[in-house]
Amino acid sequence: MGSTQRLQSIDLHGFLQGLSADTLDRLYVHPAACIAVFRELPVLDKHYIMRVLFSDQVIPEKLILAWTLPNHKNSHEQAVGQLQRLRIWFAEELVGGHKGLRMSDVFKQGLRTALCGGGKEWYRPAPPAPDKHSRDITFLNLYAKERWEIILHFLVGSNVSDVSRKVMDLLQRAGLITPGESASSTPAITAAGFQFLLMDTTAQVWYFMLYYFKAIEDYPTDGLSPVQMEFLQDMREYGLVYQRKQKSKRYYPTRLAINFASGINQSAQVPDSDGFMVVETNYRVYAYTDSALHMAIVALFCEMQYRLPSMSVGLLTRESMQEAFRNGITADQVLQFMKMYAHRQMRKNNPCVPPTISDQIRLWQLERDRLRSSEGVLYNQFGSAQEFQVIRDYAQDIGVLLHSNPAKRSVVVTSGGHKDVRSFWKQHKQK
């Protein structure tokens, strides 16, 4: 049995570092993009940028190193490395062969404009008339929640008809679902999809939008072009903006978009009013909710026993957790979900989830991960113990040895290392 591979969700800088140099330079032309990248940088990176933002000279590397204490050299190297990978800083050689660093002129001008004002606005419509269909924050929050839960409902296998073909294609590109065997069959959720369901909402939106951005090839800036209008309609379907009708001239950003754009991470816990789970030391799980989505997610790792109008009871069993692990869900993700949606009474405990439960869930996962399978090639029938030792030591030296048994004089090497070991053995026998 192989260990479960955790769903990887890169951050903003990881996404930007995967872009081409030309794309990054075009992005930094816009002050709003520069301030967004700057805002997400670590504190030391921000400090370095502000120290040289209004300097047009190449800064000696030794001078920059002097800005940090000697025992924080690793932090300095990480900061400089990240700024270079983001094409914010470039290495240059000074007179005398000394090394220096120069800030990108494009990024420098964009950040100066964002901080000090000026420049050309991306989009400035005429002052609109009062909207007779205006919506308050409560309505927008509820709308965003309903739209986003439609996508999650689709992943757990309900409300399939409410999801458009474009959303299905994006879910498939993100590796969260696989297409059905026929055009009429329902797509199947993948291991990554199960893990996606247990992520907090902000992380879900970020992961989802990264794959959306990868499909976009044009970034117009002047006015709302047809491409931007299509983008707006997609954001409307995901619940990131509210627009009463497709032809309405007004749209409102929802809480999902605001948190996503401002870098707010609410992954630690949801508000007390949204917490619904109570986990007891007898492995019973009480879910005080009437949300079909929440119940479907809890059923991914619990054996459901009772369902009442506003409460359901489940049982954490070895079989239910093993099924979750087979679907790609990890123990840490289950425990994080329990903490995130813990009932306000549970949050009074420290730790929130009883240690008996958390330890047992991790032990159940270790049962699955303790055995690993690897393809290999068996060498046996050696003429002497010396021949066995020669092959074993060589395979171990080049890092391809999987198993050896001196009593049976057998050696197992990796499939990739078989060719090298075979060549060595032929040369050794000729001596």
Protein backbone atom coordinates (compact mmCIF):
# COMPACT_ATOMS: atom_id res chain seq x y z
CA MET A 1 0.00 0.00 0.00
CA GLY A 2 1.39 3.42 -0.95
CA SER A 3 1.21 6.47 1.23
CA THR A 4 -1.49 9.00 0.44
CA GLN A 5 -0.33 11.92 -1.70
CA ARG A 6 -1.56 15.20 -0.31
CA LEU A 7 -3.22 17.75 -2.53
CA GLN A 8 -0.73 20.50 -3.30
CA SER A 9 -1.98 24.07 -3.47
CA ILE A 10 0.65 26.65 -4.35
CA ASP A 11 0.45 30.22 -3.10
CA LEU A 12 0.43 33.41 -5.17
CA HIS A 13 4.20 33.63 -5.44
CA GLY A 14 4.50 29.99 -6.42
CA PHE A 15 2.02 30.66 -9.23
CA LEU A 16 3.86 33.79 -10.38
CA GLN A 17 7.23 32.05 -10.39
CA GLY A 18 5.81 29.56 -12.87
CA LEU A 19 4.98 32.33 -15.36
CA SER A 20 7.29 33.36 -18.16
CA ALA A 21 9.53 36.39 -17.79
CA ASP A 22 7.59 38.28 -20.47
CA THR A 23 4.26 37.63 -18.73
CA LEU A 24 5.61 38.84 -15.38
CA ASP A 25 7.01 42.02 -16.93
CA ARG A 26 3.65 42.75 -18.58
CA LEU A 27 1.90 42.11 -15.27
CA TYR A 28 4.17 44.51 -13.36
CA VAL A 29 3.20 47.33 -15.71
CA HIS A 30 0.02 47.66 -13.65
CA PRO A 31 0.42 49.28 -10.20
CA ALA A 32 -2.43 47.21 -8.76
CA ALA A 33 -0.53 44.00 -9.60
CA CYS A 34 2.67 45.35 -8.02
CA ILE A 35 0.96 46.26 -4.74
CA ALA A 36 -0.79 42.86 -4.66
CA VAL A 37 2.52 41.01 -5.04
CA PHE A 38 4.21 43.29 -2.50
CA ARG A 39 1.43 42.77 0.05
CA GLU A 40 1.88 38.97 -0.02
CA LEU A 41 5.67 39.07 0.47
CA PRO A 42 7.28 38.09 3.80
CA VAL A 43 8.29 40.93 6.14
CA LEU A 44 12.01 40.78 5.29
CA ASP A 45 11.30 40.91 1.54
CA LYS A 46 9.10 43.98 2.06
CA HIS A 47 11.83 45.60 4.14
CA TYR A 48 14.41 45.13 1.41
CA ILE A 49 12.10 46.54 -1.26
CA MET A 50 11.25 49.65 0.74
CA ARG A 51 14.93 50.31 1.45
CA VAL A 52 15.75 50.56 -2.27
CA LEU A 53 12.41 51.56 -3.79
CA PHE A 54 13.43 55.19 -4.39
CA SER A 55 17.03 54.44 -5.33
CA ASP A 56 17.99 54.09 -8.99
CA GLN A 57 21.45 52.67 -8.28
CA VAL A 58 22.73 49.10 -8.13
CA ILE A 59 23.04 48.19 -4.43
CA PRO A 60 26.15 46.22 -3.38
CA GLU A 61 25.21 42.76 -2.10
CA LYS A 62 27.42 43.20 0.96
CA LEU A 63 25.49 46.32 1.93
CA ILE A 64 22.17 44.46 1.71
CA LEU A 65 23.59 41.61 3.79
CA ALA A 66 24.53 44.15 6.47
CA TRP A 67 20.83 44.99 6.93
CA THR A 68 20.27 41.66 8.72
CA LEU A 69 21.94 40.15 11.76
CA PRO A 70 24.70 37.57 11.10
CA ASN A 71 22.64 34.73 12.60
CA HIS A 72 19.83 35.39 10.08
CA LYS A 73 21.89 34.81 6.94
CA ASN A 74 19.59 31.99 5.80
CA SER A 75 16.58 34.32 5.98
CA HIS A 76 18.51 36.87 3.93
CA GLU A 77 19.35 34.31 1.24
CA GLN A 78 15.73 33.13 1.08
CA ALA A 79 14.46 36.70 0.71
CA VAL A 80 16.94 37.60 -2.04
CA GLY A 81 16.27 34.32 -3.84
CA GLN A 82 12.51 34.83 -3.84
CA LEU A 83 12.80 38.42 -5.08
CA GLN A 84 15.00 37.23 -7.93
CA ARG A 85 12.64 34.39 -8.87
CA LEU A 86 9.79 36.92 -9.00
CA ARG A 87 11.91 39.13 -11.27
CA ILE A 88 11.77 41.97 -8.79
CA TRP A 89 15.54 41.97 -8.24
CA PHE A 90 18.31 41.24 -10.74
CA ALA A 91 21.96 40.44 -10.06
CA GLU A 92 24.50 42.80 -11.65
CA GLU A 93 28.25 43.13 -11.45
CA LEU A 94 29.73 46.34 -10.07
CA VAL A 95 33.03 47.97 -10.87
CA GLY A 96 35.85 45.91 -9.42
CA GLY A 97 34.00 42.60 -9.83
CA HIS A 98 31.78 43.05 -6.78
CA LYS A 99 28.24 41.67 -6.89
CA GLY A 100 25.20 43.91 -6.69
CA LEU A 101 21.41 43.82 -6.93
CA ARG A 102 19.13 46.07 -8.96
CA MET A 103 15.36 46.39 -8.71
CA SER A 104 13.29 45.87 -11.82
CA ASP A 105 12.49 49.25 -13.35
CA VAL A 106 8.98 48.08 -14.31
CA PHE A 107 8.14 46.82 -10.82
CA LYS A 108 9.74 49.84 -9.18
CA GLN A 109 7.68 52.29 -11.20
CA GLY A 110 4.48 50.30 -10.66
CA LEU A 111 4.94 50.09 -6.89
CA ARG A 112 5.86 53.77 -6.64
CA THR A 113 2.68 54.66 -8.48
CA ALA A 114 0.57 52.38 -6.28
CA LEU A 115 2.00 53.84 -3.06
CA CYS A 116 2.30 57.50 -4.05
CA GLY A 117 -0.52 57.90 -6.59
CA GLY A 118 -0.57 58.80 -10.26
CA GLY A 119 -0.52 56.67 -13.35
CA LYS A 120 -3.34 55.53 -15.59
CA GLU A 121 -6.37 53.85 -14.07
CA TRP A 122 -7.31 50.41 -15.40
CA TYR A 123 -10.99 51.16 -15.61
CA ARG A 124 -13.06 54.18 -14.67
CA PRO A 125 -16.72 54.08 -15.70
CA ALA A 126 -18.96 57.09 -15.70
CA PRO A 127 -20.63 57.85 -12.34
CA PRO A 128 -23.59 55.45 -12.23
CA ALA A 129 -27.12 56.33 -11.29
CA PRO A 130 -28.55 54.90 -8.03
CA ASP A 131 -29.25 51.18 -8.33
CA LYS A 132 -32.86 50.32 -7.49
CA HIS A 133 -31.81 46.67 -7.15
CA SER A 134 -28.90 47.28 -4.78
CA ARG A 135 -27.94 44.45 -2.40
CA ASP A 136 -26.62 44.56 1.14
CA ILE A 137 -23.68 42.60 2.55
CA THR A 138 -25.88 39.93 4.13
CA PHE A 139 -27.48 39.11 0.80
CA LEU A 140 -24.11 39.01 -0.99
CA ASN A 141 -22.62 36.68 1.64
CA LEU A 142 -25.58 34.32 1.34
CA TYR A 143 -25.43 34.44 -2.45
CA ALA A 144 -21.71 33.63 -2.47
CA LYS A 145 -22.23 30.72 -0.09
CA GLU A 146 -25.06 29.25 -2.17
CA ARG A 147 -23.17 29.55 -5.46
CA TRP A 148 -19.99 28.02 -4.08
CA GLU A 149 -21.87 25.18 -2.40
CA ILE A 150 -23.39 24.25 -5.76
CA ILE A 151 -19.88 23.32 -6.92
CA LEU A 152 -19.21 21.38 -3.71
CA HIS A 153 -22.57 19.60 -4.02
CA PHE A 154 -21.55 18.50 -7.49
CA LEU A 155 -18.32 17.02 -6.14
CA VAL A 156 -20.13 14.97 -3.50
CA GLY A 157 -22.57 13.69 -6.13
CA SER A 158 -25.70 15.82 -5.71
CA ASN A 159 -27.27 18.61 -7.80
CA VAL A 160 -25.33 17.59 -10.91
CA SER A 161 -27.70 19.45 -13.22
CA ASP A 162 -26.96 22.82 -11.57
CA VAL A 163 -23.33 22.88 -12.76
CA SER A 164 -22.47 24.20 -16.21
CA ARG A 165 -20.20 22.48 -18.70
CA LYS A 166 -17.52 25.16 -18.18
CA VAL A 167 -17.37 24.43 -14.45
CA MET A 168 -17.13 20.68 -15.15
CA ASP A 169 -14.26 21.28 -17.58
CA LEU A 170 -12.43 23.40 -15.03
CA LEU A 171 -12.92 20.79 -12.30
CA GLN A 172 -11.51 18.20 -14.68
CA ARG A 173 -8.48 20.37 -15.55
CA ALA A 174 -7.84 20.83 -11.84
CA GLY A 175 -7.81 17.06 -11.37
CA LEU A 176 -10.80 17.07 -9.02
CA ILE A 177 -13.01 14.87 -11.23
CA THR A 178 -12.54 12.38 -14.03
CA PRO A 179 -14.94 12.15 -16.98
CA GLY A 180 -17.53 9.38 -17.00
CA GLU A 181 -17.21 6.32 -19.20
CA SER A 182 -19.82 7.74 -21.57
CA ALA A 183 -21.12 11.20 -22.42
CA SER A 184 -24.29 10.61 -20.39
CA SER A 185 -22.59 9.16 -17.29
CA THR A 186 -21.78 11.23 -14.22
CA PRO A 187 -18.11 12.26 -13.71
CA ALA A 188 -16.31 10.57 -10.80
CA ILE A 189 -14.57 12.45 -8.02
CA THR A 190 -10.81 11.83 -7.68
CA ALA A 191 -8.61 11.51 -4.59
CA ALA A 192 -7.67 15.18 -5.04
CA GLY A 193 -11.39 16.02 -5.14
CA PHE A 194 -12.02 14.34 -1.79
CA GLN A 195 -9.17 16.31 -0.25
CA PHE A 196 -10.47 19.51 -1.86
CA LEU A 197 -13.80 19.08 -0.01
CA LEU A 198 -12.02 19.15 3.37
CA MET A 199 -10.09 22.34 2.64
CA ASP A 200 -11.28 25.67 4.04
CA THR A 201 -13.27 27.89 1.67
CA THR A 202 -10.48 30.43 1.05
CA ALA A 203 -8.04 27.68 0.09
CA GLN A 204 -10.68 26.07 -2.14
CA VAL A 205 -11.30 29.33 -4.01
CA TRP A 206 -7.58 29.96 -4.44
CA TYR A 207 -6.92 26.42 -5.73
CA PHE A 208 -9.89 26.65 -8.08
CA MET A 209 -8.97 30.06 -9.44
CA LEU A 210 -5.35 29.11 -10.11
CA TYR A 211 -6.51 26.63 -12.72
CA TYR A 212 -8.92 29.22 -14.10
CA PHE A 213 -6.11 31.75 -14.51
CA LYS A 214 -3.95 29.17 -16.29
CA ALA A 215 -6.61 28.94 -19.00
CA ILE A 216 -6.66 32.72 -19.61
CA GLU A 217 -4.38 33.97 -22.36
CA ASP A 218 -5.35 37.64 -22.63
CA TYR A 219 -5.43 40.39 -19.99
CA PRO A 220 -7.01 43.52 -21.49
CA THR A 221 -6.86 46.70 -19.40
CA ASP A 222 -8.91 49.44 -21.03
CA GLY A 223 -12.62 49.23 -20.25
CA LEU A 224 -14.65 46.06 -20.04
CA SER A 225 -13.77 44.22 -23.22
CA PRO A 226 -15.62 41.07 -24.38
CA VAL A 227 -12.95 38.93 -22.70
CA GLN A 228 -13.46 40.75 -19.40
CA MET A 229 -17.21 40.42 -19.71
CA GLU A 230 -16.82 36.67 -20.18
CA PHE A 231 -14.54 36.60 -17.14
CA LEU A 232 -17.18 38.49 -15.15
CA GLN A 233 -19.84 35.92 -16.05
CA ASP A 234 -17.54 33.11 -14.92
CA MET A 235 -16.93 34.85 -11.59
CA ARG A 236 -20.68 35.26 -11.27
CA GLU A 237 -21.20 31.51 -11.60
CA TYR A 238 -18.53 30.75 -8.99
CA GLY A 239 -20.12 33.19 -6.54
CA LEU A 240 -17.24 35.68 -6.50
CA VAL A 241 -19.41 38.50 -7.87
CA TYR A 242 -23.13 39.17 -7.87
CA GLN A 243 -24.87 40.44 -10.99
CA ARG A 244 -28.65 40.43 -11.07
CA LYS A 245 -28.78 39.70 -14.81
CA GLN A 246 -26.12 39.07 -17.42
CA LYS A 247 -26.91 42.41 -19.07
CA SER A 248 -27.06 44.37 -15.81
CA LYS A 249 -24.62 47.27 -15.66
CA ARG A 250 -23.92 46.71 -11.96
CA TYR A 251 -22.02 43.93 -10.23
CA TYR A 252 -20.93 43.50 -6.61
CA PRO A 253 -17.88 41.63 -5.29
CA THR A 254 -18.86 39.06 -2.66
CA ARG A 255 -17.00 37.98 0.45
CA LEU A 256 -15.29 35.17 -1.50
CA ALA A 257 -13.75 37.67 -3.91
CA ILE A 258 -12.79 40.15 -1.17
CA ASN A 259 -11.00 37.49 0.90
CA PHE A 260 -9.37 36.06 -2.19
CA ALA A 261 -8.11 39.44 -3.45
CA SER A 262 -6.99 40.78 -0.07
CA GLY A 263 -5.12 37.66 1.00
CA ILE A 264 -7.33 37.08 4.05
CA ASN A 265 -6.98 33.50 5.29
CA GLN A 266 -9.79 32.24 7.46
CA SER A 267 -8.55 28.67 7.57
CA ALA A 268 -8.03 28.49 11.31
CA GLN A 269 -11.72 28.31 12.24
CA VAL A 270 -15.07 29.35 10.91
CA PRO A 271 -17.18 31.71 13.07
CA ASP A 272 -18.74 30.21 16.19
CA SER A 273 -22.19 30.44 14.63
CA ASP A 274 -21.09 28.14 11.77
CA GLY A 275 -19.46 25.47 13.94
CA PHE A 276 -21.61 22.34 14.05
CA MET A 277 -19.44 19.32 14.95
CA VAL A 278 -19.08 17.65 18.34
CA VAL A 279 -16.62 14.76 18.59
CA GLU A 280 -16.70 12.58 21.72
CA THR A 281 -14.11 10.20 23.09
CA ASN A 282 -16.41 7.24 22.33
CA TYR A 283 -15.88 8.00 18.60
CA ARG A 284 -19.36 9.40 18.11
CA VAL A 285 -19.71 12.50 15.95
CA TYR A 286 -22.72 14.79 16.37
CA ALA A 287 -23.44 17.21 13.54
CA TYR A 288 -25.89 19.97 14.50
CA THR A 289 -26.72 21.10 10.98
CA ASP A 290 -29.38 20.71 8.35
CA SER A 291 -26.94 21.38 5.50
CA ALA A 292 -26.94 18.51 3.02
CA LEU A 293 -23.45 19.52 1.90
CA HIS A 294 -21.99 19.37 5.41
CA MET A 295 -23.58 15.99 6.00
CA ALA A 296 -22.22 14.64 2.71
CA ILE A 297 -18.70 15.74 3.66
CA VAL A 298 -18.94 14.26 7.18
CA ALA A 299 -20.11 10.99 5.61
CA LEU A 300 -16.79 10.81 3.74
CA PHE A 301 -15.05 9.69 6.94
CA CYS A 302 -17.91 8.71 9.28
CA GLU A 303 -20.37 5.84 9.36
CA MET A 304 -23.70 7.68 9.58
CA GLN A 305 -26.17 6.13 12.03
CA TYR A 306 -29.04 8.59 12.61
CA ARG A 307 -30.35 11.59 10.72
CA LEU A 308 -32.81 13.98 12.34
CA PRO A 309 -34.15 17.30 10.95
CA SER A 310 -31.40 19.41 12.54
CA MET A 311 -28.90 16.86 13.86
CA SER A 312 -27.16 13.74 12.62
CA VAL A 313 -25.06 11.17 14.44
CA GLY A 314 -22.09 9.35 12.97
CA LEU A 315 -19.46 6.94 14.22
CA LEU A 316 -15.75 7.04 13.49
CA THR A 317 -14.74 3.47 12.70
CA ARG A 318 -11.66 1.81 11.32
CA GLU A 319 -13.60 0.86 8.19
CA SER A 320 -14.94 4.39 7.57
CA MET A 321 -11.49 5.95 8.00
CA GLN A 322 -9.82 3.34 5.78
CA GLU A 323 -12.38 4.13 3.09
CA ALA A 324 -11.51 7.84 3.45
CA PHE A 325 -7.80 7.04 3.15
CA ARG A 326 -8.45 4.98 0.01
CA ASN A 327 -10.22 8.02 -1.45
CA GLY A 328 -7.09 10.10 -0.89
CA ILE A 329 -8.08 11.89 2.32
CA THR A 330 -5.37 12.17 4.99
CA ALA A 331 -5.65 12.03 8.77
CA ASP A 332 -4.45 15.62 9.13
CA GLN A 333 -7.16 16.84 6.75
CA VAL A 334 -9.90 15.08 8.73
CA LEU A 335 -8.61 16.54 12.01
CA GLN A 336 -8.29 20.00 10.46
CA PHE A 337 -11.89 19.78 9.24
CA MET A 338 -13.05 18.81 12.75
CA LYS A 339 -11.22 21.78 14.26
CA MET A 340 -12.45 24.17 11.58
CA TYR A 341 -16.12 23.28 12.06
CA ALA A 342 -16.02 22.47 15.76
CA HIS A 343 -19.10 23.46 17.79
CA ARG A 344 -18.60 26.43 20.11
CA GLN A 345 -18.80 24.07 23.11
CA MET A 346 -15.95 21.98 21.71
CA ARG A 347 -13.80 25.05 21.17
CA LYS A 348 -13.69 25.57 24.91
CA ASN A 349 -11.57 22.42 25.21
CA ASN A 350 -7.82 22.36 24.78
CA PRO A 351 -7.09 20.58 22.53
CA CYS A 352 -10.28 21.00 20.58
CA VAL A 353 -10.38 17.42 19.28
CA PRO A 354 -9.91 14.80 22.06
CA PRO A 355 -6.37 13.31 21.93
CA THR A 356 -7.90 9.82 21.98
CA ILE A 357 -9.59 10.56 18.65
CA SER A 358 -6.69 12.35 16.95
CA ASP A 359 -4.17 9.67 17.97
CA GLN A 360 -6.41 6.84 16.79
CA ILE A 361 -7.11 8.48 13.42
CA ARG A 362 -3.37 8.85 12.84
CA LEU A 363 -2.77 5.24 13.87
CA TRP A 364 -5.40 4.07 11.39
CA GLN A 365 -3.56 5.95 8.68
CA LEU A 366 -0.23 4.40 9.71
CA GLU A 367 -1.81 0.97 9.22
CA ARG A 368 -2.25 1.87 5.57
CA ASP A 369 1.11 3.56 5.11
CA ARG A 370 3.35 1.00 6.82
CA LEU A 371 3.64 -1.13 3.65
CA ARG A 372 4.90 0.26 0.37
CA SER A 373 5.20 -1.53 -2.94
CA SER A 374 8.06 -0.95 -5.35
CA GLU A 375 8.89 -2.60 -8.66
CA GLY A 376 12.21 -4.41 -8.57
CA VAL A 377 14.45 -7.09 -10.08
CA LEU A 378 15.57 -10.17 -8.11
CA TYR A 379 19.15 -11.43 -8.19
CA ASN A 380 19.80 -14.88 -6.68
CA GLN A 381 21.63 -18.15 -7.29
CA PHE A 382 25.01 -16.59 -6.54
CA GLY A 383 27.92 -19.00 -6.73
CA SER A 384 29.41 -17.84 -3.43
CA ALA A 385 28.82 -15.54 -0.50
CA GLN A 386 31.51 -13.22 -1.88
CA GLU A 387 29.62 -12.74 -5.16
CA PHE A 388 26.47 -11.94 -3.20
CA GLN A 389 28.31 -9.33 -1.11
CA VAL A 390 29.85 -7.68 -4.19
CA ILE A 391 26.47 -7.18 -5.88
CA ARG A 392 24.76 -6.12 -2.67
CA ASP A 393 27.46 -3.55 -1.80
CA TYR A 394 27.48 -2.13 -5.34
CA ALA A 395 23.67 -1.77 -5.42
CA GLN A 396 23.77 -0.10 -2.01
CA ASP A 397 26.53 2.31 -3.07
CA ILE A 398 24.58 3.56 -6.11
CA GLY A 399 21.32 3.77 -4.10
CA VAL A 400 19.24 1.14 -5.92
CA LEU A 401 19.13 -1.62 -3.27
CA LEU A 402 15.59 -2.48 -2.11
CA HIS A 403 16.17 -5.70 -0.17
CA SER A 404 18.88 -8.24 0.58
CA ASN A 405 18.85 -11.59 2.37
CA PRO A 406 22.32 -13.01 3.25
CA ALA A 407 20.87 -16.35 4.31
CA LYS A 408 19.18 -16.94 0.92
CA ARG A 409 21.81 -14.94 -1.00
CA SER A 410 19.18 -12.82 -2.74
CA VAL A 411 19.26 -9.15 -3.74
CA VAL A 412 16.39 -6.99 -5.01
CA VAL A 413 17.23 -3.77 -6.86
CA THR A 414 15.00 -1.10 -8.39
CA SER A 415 13.85 -1.43 -11.97
CA GLY A 416 15.75 1.74 -12.87
CA GLY A 417 18.98 0.42 -11.33
CA HIS A 418 18.75 -3.04 -12.92
CA LYS A 419 20.68 -2.01 -16.05
CA ASP A 420 23.65 -0.62 -14.08
CA VAL A 421 23.79 -3.62 -11.73
CA ARG A 422 23.61 -6.07 -14.64
CA SER A 423 26.46 -4.29 -16.47
CA PHE A 424 28.57 -4.28 -13.31
CA TRP A 425 27.90 -7.98 -12.71
CA LYS A 426 28.94 -8.92 -16.26
CA GLN A 427 32.18 -6.95 -15.93
CA HIS A 428 32.87 -8.53 -12.53
CA LYS A 429 32.39 -12.08 -13.85
CA GLN A 430 34.85 -11.43 -16.70
CA LYS A 431 37.63 -10.58 -14.26
